Protein backbone atom coordinates (compact mmCIF):
# COMPACT_ATOMS: atom_id res chain seq x y z
CA MET A 1 27.71 4.02 39.83
CA LYS A 2 24.25 5.84 39.07
CA TRP A 3 23.36 7.41 36.05
CA ASP A 4 23.20 10.42 37.77
CA ASP A 5 26.86 10.20 38.42
CA ILE A 6 27.97 9.75 34.65
CA LEU A 7 25.55 12.82 33.52
CA LEU A 8 28.13 14.56 35.90
CA MET A 9 30.83 14.16 33.07
CA ARG A 10 28.54 14.79 30.33
CA HIS A 11 30.69 17.53 28.71
CA GLU A 12 33.52 15.09 28.50
CA LEU A 13 31.66 12.15 27.46
CA GLN A 14 29.92 14.04 24.63
CA LEU A 15 33.37 15.15 23.33
CA LEU A 16 35.01 11.79 23.58
CA ALA A 17 31.75 10.41 21.43
CA VAL A 18 32.57 13.33 19.07
CA ILE A 19 36.20 11.83 18.68
CA LEU A 20 35.48 8.48 18.57
CA ILE A 21 32.93 8.83 15.75
CA VAL A 22 35.19 11.33 13.33
CA THR A 23 38.43 8.55 13.99
CA CYS A 24 35.71 6.14 12.90
CA THR A 25 34.57 7.97 9.80
CA GLU A 26 38.18 8.44 8.61
CA ILE A 27 38.41 4.47 8.39
CA TYR A 28 35.85 4.49 5.48
CA LEU A 29 37.00 7.64 3.66
CA THR A 30 39.69 7.83 1.05
CA GLY A 31 41.42 10.39 -1.34
CA LYS A 32 39.20 13.72 -1.78
CA ASP A 33 36.52 12.21 -0.14
CA LYS A 34 38.16 13.07 2.94
CA ALA A 35 36.98 16.63 2.48
CA ARG A 36 33.64 15.29 3.81
CA VAL A 37 35.11 14.91 7.21
CA VAL A 38 34.78 18.96 7.45
CA PRO A 39 31.21 19.60 7.58
CA PHE A 40 30.71 16.52 9.35
CA ALA A 41 32.98 17.39 12.07
CA ILE A 42 31.60 20.91 12.52
CA ALA A 43 27.93 19.55 12.79
CA LEU A 44 29.15 16.85 15.18
CA PHE A 45 30.68 19.67 17.53
CA THR A 46 27.68 22.17 16.97
CA LEU A 47 25.43 19.60 18.24
CA HIS A 48 27.83 18.96 21.10
CA MET A 49 27.64 22.56 22.13
CA VAL A 50 24.01 23.27 22.14
CA ALA A 51 23.42 19.96 24.16
CA GLY A 52 26.00 21.63 26.51
CA TRP A 53 23.33 24.35 27.11
CA ILE A 54 21.03 21.74 28.81
CA LYS A 55 20.26 21.86 32.44
CA PRO A 56 23.67 21.14 33.92
CA GLU A 57 24.17 18.82 36.65
CA GLU A 58 25.60 19.59 40.00
CA GLY A 59 27.87 17.22 42.41
CA MET A 60 30.93 15.57 42.80
CA TRP A 61 32.75 12.21 41.49
CA PHE A 62 35.45 10.07 42.23
CA GLY A 63 36.16 11.29 45.40
CA GLY A 64 35.87 14.96 44.60
CA MET A 65 38.47 14.84 42.02
CA PHE A 66 36.08 15.76 39.60
CA ARG A 67 33.20 18.18 40.28
CA THR A 68 30.55 20.23 38.28
CA THR A 69 28.41 23.21 39.01
CA PRO A 70 26.43 25.39 36.73
CA LEU A 71 29.45 28.08 36.66
CA ILE A 72 31.44 25.41 35.66
CA HIS A 73 29.11 24.28 32.85
CA MET A 74 29.10 28.32 31.78
CA ARG A 75 32.88 28.23 31.84
CA LYS A 76 32.96 25.09 29.44
CA ASN A 77 30.18 26.69 27.12
CA ILE A 78 32.13 29.60 26.76
CA LEU A 79 35.20 27.26 25.28
CA ASP A 80 32.94 25.49 23.05
CA LEU A 81 31.76 28.64 21.58
CA GLY A 82 35.25 29.80 20.61
CA VAL A 83 36.25 26.44 19.21
CA LEU A 84 33.04 26.29 17.10
CA ILE A 85 34.34 29.71 15.80
CA VAL A 86 37.74 28.10 15.07
CA LEU A 87 36.13 25.32 13.12
CA LEU A 88 34.78 27.61 11.07
CA GLN A 89 37.29 29.84 10.22
CA THR A 90 39.57 26.89 9.26
CA ALA A 91 37.29 25.00 7.28
CA GLY A 92 38.57 26.36 4.10
CA TRP A 93 42.34 25.94 5.13
CA VAL A 94 41.65 22.47 6.03
CA LYS A 95 39.85 21.69 2.54
CA LYS A 96 42.58 23.50 0.54
CA GLN A 97 45.81 22.01 2.20
CA LEU A 98 45.10 19.13 4.58
CA VAL A 99 42.90 16.98 2.38
CA ASP A 100 45.81 16.41 -0.39
CA GLU A 101 48.21 15.93 2.58
CA ASN A 102 45.53 13.26 4.16
CA ARG A 103 45.68 15.26 7.59
CA VAL A 104 41.99 16.24 8.13
CA SER A 105 41.07 13.93 11.04
CA GLU A 106 44.21 14.28 13.07
CA PHE A 107 43.94 18.21 13.00
CA TYR A 108 40.31 17.55 14.43
CA LEU A 109 41.70 14.93 16.96
CA LEU A 110 44.28 17.07 18.31
CA LEU A 111 42.25 20.23 18.61
CA TRP A 112 39.23 18.45 20.72
CA SER A 113 41.78 16.21 22.66
CA SER A 114 43.21 19.88 23.79
CA LEU A 115 39.72 20.85 24.51
CA LEU A 116 39.13 17.47 26.67
CA GLY A 117 42.00 18.44 28.69
CA MET A 118 40.50 22.03 29.44
CA TYR A 119 37.35 20.36 30.22
CA TYR A 120 39.26 18.36 32.98
CA MET A 121 41.01 21.28 33.92
CA ILE A 122 37.97 23.42 34.82
CA SER A 123 36.11 20.67 36.71
CA SER A 124 39.43 19.49 38.78
CA GLY A 125 38.66 19.06 42.45
CA ASP A 126 42.43 18.38 43.29
CA LEU A 127 45.79 19.90 42.17
CA LEU A 128 46.45 16.15 40.50
CA MET A 129 43.22 15.97 38.45
CA LEU A 130 44.32 19.93 37.06
CA PHE A 131 47.76 18.93 35.93
CA LEU A 132 46.82 15.89 34.33
CA GLY A 133 44.23 18.05 32.52
CA LEU A 134 46.85 20.77 31.83
CA GLU A 135 48.95 18.40 30.29
CA LEU A 136 46.41 16.88 27.98
CA SER A 137 45.54 20.13 26.97
CA THR A 138 49.02 21.75 25.98
CA LEU A 139 50.87 18.21 24.42
CA PRO A 140 48.04 18.27 21.50
CA ILE A 141 48.46 22.11 20.98
CA ALA A 142 52.50 21.79 20.64
CA ALA A 143 51.50 19.41 17.57
CA LEU A 144 48.98 21.56 15.87
CA ALA A 145 51.78 24.33 16.30
CA ALA A 146 54.16 22.26 13.85
CA TYR A 147 51.14 21.34 12.02
CA GLU A 148 52.46 22.94 8.90
CA VAL A 149 55.14 20.34 8.28
CA ILE A 150 56.30 21.48 4.99
CA ARG A 151 56.91 25.20 6.64
CA LEU A 152 60.37 25.30 9.03
CA ARG A 153 58.74 28.32 10.82
CA SER A 154 55.80 26.12 11.94
CA ALA A 155 57.94 23.27 12.87
CA GLU A 156 60.22 26.17 14.95
CA SER A 157 57.12 27.19 16.42
CA GLY A 158 56.04 23.50 17.56
CA ILE A 159 59.41 23.12 18.99
CA LYS A 160 59.46 26.36 21.07
CA LEU A 161 56.03 25.45 22.27
CA ILE A 162 56.79 22.10 23.81
CA LEU A 163 60.00 23.21 25.52
CA SER A 164 58.27 25.91 26.98
CA ALA A 165 55.38 23.93 28.13
CA GLY A 166 57.59 21.45 29.17
CA LEU A 167 59.23 23.86 31.60
CA ALA A 168 56.07 25.54 32.47
CA SER A 169 54.68 21.74 33.18
CA ALA A 170 57.95 21.15 35.59
CA ILE A 171 57.50 24.22 37.66
CA THR A 172 53.86 23.74 38.08
CA LEU A 173 54.36 19.96 39.26
CA MET A 174 57.20 21.49 41.61
CA GLY A 175 54.68 23.88 43.12
CA ILE A 176 52.35 20.81 43.58
CA SER A 177 54.76 19.03 45.62
CA PHE A 178 55.25 21.65 47.96
CA LEU A 179 51.86 22.57 48.71
CA TYR A 180 51.24 18.90 48.99
CA GLY A 181 54.35 18.58 51.50
CA SER A 182 53.46 21.25 53.55
CA THR A 183 49.66 20.22 53.79
CA GLY A 184 49.20 16.72 53.06
CA THR A 185 46.38 16.75 50.56
CA TYR A 186 45.75 17.71 47.19
CA ALA A 187 42.19 17.97 47.29
CA ILE A 188 41.09 21.84 47.01
CA PRO A 189 38.48 22.01 49.55
CA GLU A 190 41.04 20.60 52.05
CA LEU A 191 43.30 22.99 51.03
CA ILE A 192 41.41 25.98 51.51
CA LYS A 193 41.06 24.78 55.21
CA ILE A 194 44.55 24.01 55.84
CA LEU A 195 46.76 26.71 54.19
CA SER A 196 48.24 29.32 56.33
CA GLY A 197 50.72 31.12 54.34
CA THR A 198 54.01 29.66 55.63
CA SER A 199 56.96 30.19 53.53
CA LEU A 200 56.80 26.64 51.73
CA GLU A 201 53.13 27.25 50.98
CA ASN A 202 54.16 30.76 49.13
CA LEU A 203 56.86 29.02 47.53
CA GLY A 204 54.30 26.22 45.97
CA PHE A 205 51.84 28.82 44.87
CA LEU A 206 54.28 30.73 43.11
CA PHE A 207 55.63 27.82 41.36
CA PHE A 208 52.17 26.83 40.60
CA PHE A 209 51.04 30.28 39.19
CA ALA A 210 54.05 30.25 37.25
CA GLY A 211 53.19 27.48 35.37
CA LEU A 212 49.42 29.03 34.67
CA ALA A 213 50.96 32.25 33.94
CA PHE A 214 53.04 30.70 30.97
CA LYS A 215 49.70 29.73 29.39
CA ILE A 216 48.13 33.02 30.16
CA SER A 217 51.22 34.63 28.31
CA LEU A 218 51.76 36.98 31.55
CA VAL A 219 55.29 38.84 31.57
CA PRO A 220 57.75 37.36 31.86
CA PHE A 221 56.50 34.39 31.16
CA HIS A 222 55.07 35.59 27.59
CA PHE A 223 58.35 35.21 25.50
CA TRP A 224 57.24 32.07 23.55
CA THR A 225 53.67 34.12 22.52
CA PRO A 226 55.09 35.88 19.65
CA ASP A 227 57.32 33.30 17.62
CA VAL A 228 54.79 30.67 18.17
CA TYR A 229 51.84 32.53 16.73
CA GLU A 230 53.88 33.75 13.90
CA GLY A 231 54.99 30.30 12.71
CA ALA A 232 51.53 28.42 13.62
CA PRO A 233 48.64 27.85 11.53
CA THR A 234 46.63 31.22 11.61
CA GLY A 235 43.94 28.94 13.16
CA VAL A 236 46.00 27.60 15.74
CA ALA A 237 47.29 30.65 16.85
CA ALA A 238 43.69 31.86 17.41
CA TYR A 239 42.65 28.89 19.36
CA LEU A 240 45.87 29.69 21.60
CA SER A 241 44.69 33.25 21.90
CA VAL A 242 41.34 32.59 23.18
CA VAL A 243 40.56 29.04 23.90
CA SER A 244 43.89 28.10 25.71
CA LYS A 245 44.25 31.10 27.57
CA GLY A 246 40.76 31.34 28.56
CA SER A 247 40.78 27.83 30.09
CA ALA A 248 43.93 29.21 31.81
CA VAL A 249 42.17 32.19 33.17
CA PHE A 250 39.38 30.22 34.50
CA ILE A 251 41.88 27.73 36.46
CA LEU A 252 43.46 30.80 37.97
CA MET A 253 40.16 31.85 39.24
CA ILE A 254 39.92 28.87 41.33
CA LEU A 255 43.70 29.79 42.53
CA LEU A 256 43.31 33.33 43.47
CA LEU A 257 39.77 33.75 44.49
CA GLY A 258 39.34 30.55 46.02
CA LEU A 259 42.45 29.04 47.15
CA THR A 260 44.41 31.82 48.52
CA PRO A 261 44.42 31.75 52.35
CA GLY A 262 44.25 35.18 54.27
CA GLY A 263 47.69 35.17 55.24
CA MET A 264 48.67 35.18 51.79
CA THR A 265 46.45 38.32 50.60
CA GLU A 266 48.96 40.83 50.96
CA ILE A 267 51.77 38.95 48.92
CA TRP A 268 49.14 38.27 46.01
CA THR A 269 47.98 41.38 45.76
CA TRP A 270 51.00 43.07 45.35
CA THR A 271 52.22 40.12 43.03
CA LEU A 272 49.18 40.73 40.93
CA TYR A 273 49.61 44.41 41.05
CA VAL A 274 53.11 44.29 39.27
CA LEU A 275 52.36 41.80 37.28
CA ALA A 276 49.01 43.72 35.78
CA ILE A 277 51.31 46.69 34.85
CA LEU A 278 54.06 44.91 33.36
CA THR A 279 52.08 42.87 31.26
CA MET A 280 49.85 45.53 29.99
CA THR A 281 52.72 48.09 29.44
CA ILE A 282 55.48 45.67 28.22
CA GLY A 283 52.31 43.94 25.80
CA ASN A 284 51.56 47.38 24.31
CA LEU A 285 54.71 48.97 23.80
CA PHE A 286 55.90 45.68 22.04
CA ALA A 287 52.72 45.69 19.83
CA LEU A 288 53.67 49.12 18.53
CA ARG A 289 56.70 47.80 16.88
CA GLN A 290 54.93 44.90 15.27
CA ARG A 291 54.60 44.69 11.19
CA ASN A 292 53.38 41.01 11.09
CA LEU A 293 50.01 41.03 12.17
CA LYS A 294 50.32 37.57 13.66
CA ARG A 295 52.94 38.61 15.93
CA PHE A 296 50.84 42.23 16.33
CA LEU A 297 48.00 40.28 17.68
CA ALA A 298 50.31 37.99 19.78
CA PHE A 299 51.60 41.05 21.72
CA SER A 300 47.94 42.37 21.82
CA SER A 301 46.90 39.12 23.46
CA VAL A 302 49.73 39.63 26.13
CA ALA A 303 48.29 43.08 26.91
CA GLN A 304 44.81 42.15 27.28
CA ALA A 305 46.15 39.42 30.07
CA GLY A 306 47.25 42.24 31.77
CA PHE A 307 43.57 43.46 31.65
CA ILE A 308 42.15 40.63 32.85
CA LEU A 309 44.16 40.40 35.91
CA LEU A 310 42.43 43.50 36.97
CA GLY A 311 39.17 41.03 37.72
CA PHE A 312 41.26 39.52 40.50
CA PHE A 313 41.43 42.33 42.71
CA SER A 314 37.75 42.24 43.51
CA THR A 315 37.26 38.81 45.55
CA GLY A 316 33.55 39.23 45.24
CA PRO A 317 31.18 37.84 42.55
CA ASP A 318 31.71 41.03 40.54
CA GLY A 319 35.44 40.26 40.08
CA MET A 320 34.65 36.79 38.87
CA ALA A 321 31.64 37.76 36.64
CA SER A 322 33.90 40.43 35.34
CA ILE A 323 36.54 38.09 34.40
CA ILE A 324 34.42 35.67 32.68
CA TYR A 325 32.35 38.28 30.48
CA PHE A 326 35.73 39.74 29.53
CA VAL A 327 36.81 36.18 28.23
CA LEU A 328 33.60 35.69 26.59
CA VAL A 329 33.75 39.49 24.70
CA TYR A 330 37.36 38.52 24.08
CA ILE A 331 36.47 35.36 22.30
CA PHE A 332 34.33 37.27 19.86
CA SER A 333 36.56 40.37 19.36
CA ASN A 334 40.09 38.32 18.67
CA LEU A 335 38.72 35.87 16.79
CA ALA A 336 37.02 38.32 14.49
CA ALA A 337 40.38 39.81 13.87
CA PHE A 338 42.12 36.51 13.54
CA GLY A 339 39.44 35.52 11.16
CA VAL A 340 40.04 38.41 8.61
CA VAL A 341 43.87 37.67 8.97
CA HIS A 342 43.24 34.15 8.54
CA ALA A 343 41.07 34.59 5.36
CA ILE A 344 43.61 36.98 3.75
CA SER A 345 46.54 34.72 4.63
CA VAL A 346 44.87 31.62 2.92
CA GLU A 347 43.83 33.36 -0.40
CA THR A 348 47.06 35.77 -0.74
CA GLY A 349 49.80 34.34 1.54
CA LYS A 350 50.09 38.04 2.96
CA GLU A 351 50.21 38.92 6.66
CA ASP A 352 52.11 42.19 7.05
CA ILE A 353 50.35 45.78 8.00
CA GLY A 354 51.97 47.10 4.71
CA ASP A 355 49.83 44.57 2.83
CA TYR A 356 46.45 46.15 4.32
CA ASP A 357 47.08 49.27 2.60
CA GLY A 358 43.61 50.44 0.85
CA LEU A 359 42.07 47.18 1.82
CA TYR A 360 38.72 48.79 2.31
CA ARG A 361 38.31 49.55 -1.57
CA ALA A 362 38.93 46.04 -2.29
CA ASN A 363 37.26 44.30 0.31
CA PRO A 364 35.06 46.72 2.40
CA LEU A 365 33.27 43.71 4.41
CA LEU A 366 36.57 42.21 5.79
CA SER A 367 38.04 45.59 6.75
CA LEU A 368 34.63 46.83 8.44
CA VAL A 369 34.71 43.44 10.30
CA MET A 370 38.54 44.19 11.26
CA LEU A 371 37.23 47.57 12.15
CA LEU A 372 34.89 46.19 14.70
CA ALA A 373 37.65 43.59 16.06
CA VAL A 374 40.07 46.28 16.71
CA PHE A 375 37.88 48.87 18.10
CA SER A 376 36.01 46.24 20.40
CA LEU A 377 39.59 45.04 21.60
CA ALA A 378 40.36 48.65 22.15
CA GLY A 379 37.05 49.42 24.33
CA ILE A 380 35.35 51.67 21.90
CA PRO A 381 32.06 52.25 23.08
CA PRO A 382 29.30 50.93 22.28
CA LEU A 383 30.89 47.54 21.51
CA ALA A 384 31.31 44.75 23.61
CA GLY A 385 34.94 45.31 24.62
CA PHE A 386 34.17 48.91 26.04
CA PHE A 387 31.92 47.06 28.76
CA GLY A 388 34.01 44.40 29.22
CA LYS A 389 37.00 46.64 30.44
CA PHE A 390 34.58 48.75 32.01
CA PHE A 391 33.25 45.76 34.51
CA LEU A 392 37.20 45.28 35.17
CA PHE A 393 37.90 48.76 35.88
CA MET A 394 35.18 48.68 38.47
CA SER A 395 36.47 45.78 39.99
CA VAL A 396 39.85 47.80 40.69
CA ALA A 397 37.99 50.97 41.65
CA SER A 398 36.02 48.81 44.28
CA ALA A 399 39.29 47.46 45.64
CA GLY A 400 40.49 51.34 46.12
CA MET A 401 43.52 51.02 43.63
CA TYR A 402 43.09 54.05 41.89
CA VAL A 403 46.84 54.38 40.82
CA LEU A 404 46.29 50.77 38.86
CA LEU A 405 43.20 51.90 37.35
CA PHE A 406 44.98 54.98 36.32
CA ILE A 407 47.73 52.92 34.87
CA ALA A 408 45.07 50.65 33.10
CA VAL A 409 43.34 53.80 31.42
CA VAL A 410 46.87 54.98 30.01
CA ASN A 411 47.57 51.72 28.63
CA THR A 412 44.24 51.61 27.01
CA VAL A 413 45.05 54.84 25.23
CA VAL A 414 48.18 53.11 23.95
CA SER A 415 46.73 50.39 22.78
CA LEU A 416 43.95 52.44 20.84
CA TYR A 417 47.10 54.16 19.11
CA TYR A 418 48.41 50.76 17.62
CA TYR A 419 44.89 49.23 17.06
CA LEU A 420 44.16 52.62 14.54
CA LEU A 421 47.35 51.94 12.91
CA VAL A 422 45.60 49.07 11.04
CA VAL A 423 42.38 50.98 10.71
CA ARG A 424 44.55 53.64 9.04
CA ALA A 425 46.28 51.27 6.61
CA MET A 426 42.64 49.88 5.59
CA PHE A 427 40.95 53.17 5.05
CA LEU A 428 43.31 55.88 4.82
CA ARG A 429 46.29 54.62 2.97
CA LYS A 430 46.63 53.90 -0.63
CA SER A 431 48.85 51.01 -2.30
CA GLU A 432 50.09 50.51 -5.93
CA ALA A 433 49.66 47.03 -5.56
CA PRO A 434 46.56 46.47 -3.12
CA LEU A 435 44.93 42.95 -2.51
CA ALA A 436 42.74 41.94 -5.19
CA TYR A 437 38.85 41.39 -4.39
CA PHE A 438 38.28 37.77 -2.97
CA LYS A 439 35.45 36.07 -1.80
CA SER A 440 36.16 33.82 1.25
CA ASP A 441 34.37 30.70 1.60
CA ALA A 442 31.22 30.39 3.32
CA TRP A 443 32.70 28.43 6.71
CA MET A 444 34.75 31.82 7.04
CA ARG A 445 31.90 34.30 6.42
CA ALA A 446 29.52 32.39 9.26
CA SER A 447 32.12 32.52 11.64
CA LEU A 448 32.81 36.12 11.04
CA VAL A 449 28.78 36.90 11.21
CA ILE A 450 28.93 35.09 14.38
CA CYS A 451 31.92 37.27 15.81
CA VAL A 452 29.87 40.67 14.78
CA ILE A 453 26.78 39.34 16.25
CA GLY A 454 28.51 38.91 19.44
CA ILE A 455 30.52 42.06 19.37
CA LEU A 456 27.45 44.06 18.70
CA ALA A 457 25.16 42.10 20.88
CA LEU A 458 27.16 42.08 24.23
CA GLY A 459 27.49 45.89 23.64
CA VAL A 460 23.89 46.70 23.84
CA TRP A 461 22.50 43.57 25.67
CA SER A 462 22.95 43.25 29.38
CA GLY A 463 21.44 39.92 30.27
CA VAL A 464 24.78 38.23 29.76
CA TYR A 465 26.53 39.83 32.31
CA GLU A 466 23.51 39.50 34.81
CA TYR A 467 23.16 35.98 34.15
CA ILE A 468 26.86 35.19 34.70
CA TYR A 469 26.77 37.31 37.84
CA GLN A 470 23.66 35.36 38.94
CA LEU A 471 25.92 32.18 38.58
CA CYS A 472 28.44 33.67 40.27
CA VAL A 473 26.91 34.42 43.66
């Protein structure tokens, strides 16, 4: 074993070191002193994220089970950015609630353990490594969803997630066994050469795809999403909506843009065609009916997953680049919206859209952040969300699927309507008992500033997309 080989797993080893350091720190702190873990954990993870941008190594380890490339490093760095924003947004909540309950370090250890599993998923060179990473990323999230133990709804959220995840894992493992039975190998490069599109391979791919569709919340695998988001702590719901979903999308790129053999192309094209339409449409229609903002954002994330599928219709680097770029934009936009909901929920306990009536008069800055977030999610120019959807639409147009493109545009208009419901409540409606003015903690303000900068900068600076595109070539 050489030092260069160890550096191939740099991201994973760095994060493991952060986990061990925070665990050791916990031993020497008692009582209220455990609040010091919060800034220490954020500082350590920030160093880890910055180190992740150092020139990446490229190669394989453990006989090809683990592999890394500059593009894989980019995907991990995008997830790191989302996790850092979540850490900043949850800092005030952790200090306010978890310090007295003596459950501070455990929150960070579960969050980072899940992220570690996502690292291994993204770097997996065979299906067994992918499945192990999938399990490592899922089980800690179920514990986090039930982390507010004093709330029955949080416990219900954790139970629903673990049961749904268990079923999805079983289906995924069944798909892997079918693929192995048909080809005699787990290695992804070998699978690419051997697959020929037989019935057993089709069934294996279908089962494998279903397990990932659960994590991305594609219709009809989305039923767990609104209930889990509503019951889970808001920061955990935000993590599920962007980081967990983003990692599954990156794996789906390997499955559909790298593995799918020629004999299965037509089958998967029509499968994705139907799923994209159903996911966009059902997500939007159910979002129209929601009053609770966490359920509202849950169905919004389902609809956004349908838009992500549009990038898979272009098998060239433009399709892959559009997906990665959209995930990056989605992180800033969705976490900005969840950040405002989280700040208001921690301060007032209110999560209904009606509670936001007249919010602009009492909390103008939070209202403006939410305005930018929902407009970016809706795809209003010149915000980043517009260009994210524009590149996805270009992928569909390049494949000649103009009917699907038309349906996507119609769904964009529908999504704009229900996003405007939030804007109307904040800026146009009045309330007899509006939310009182309050000042968010410095950590929350920092996270929202990062999100706003990302929404605005990615909308006017083309260098990010060009950089991602060059990595995909």
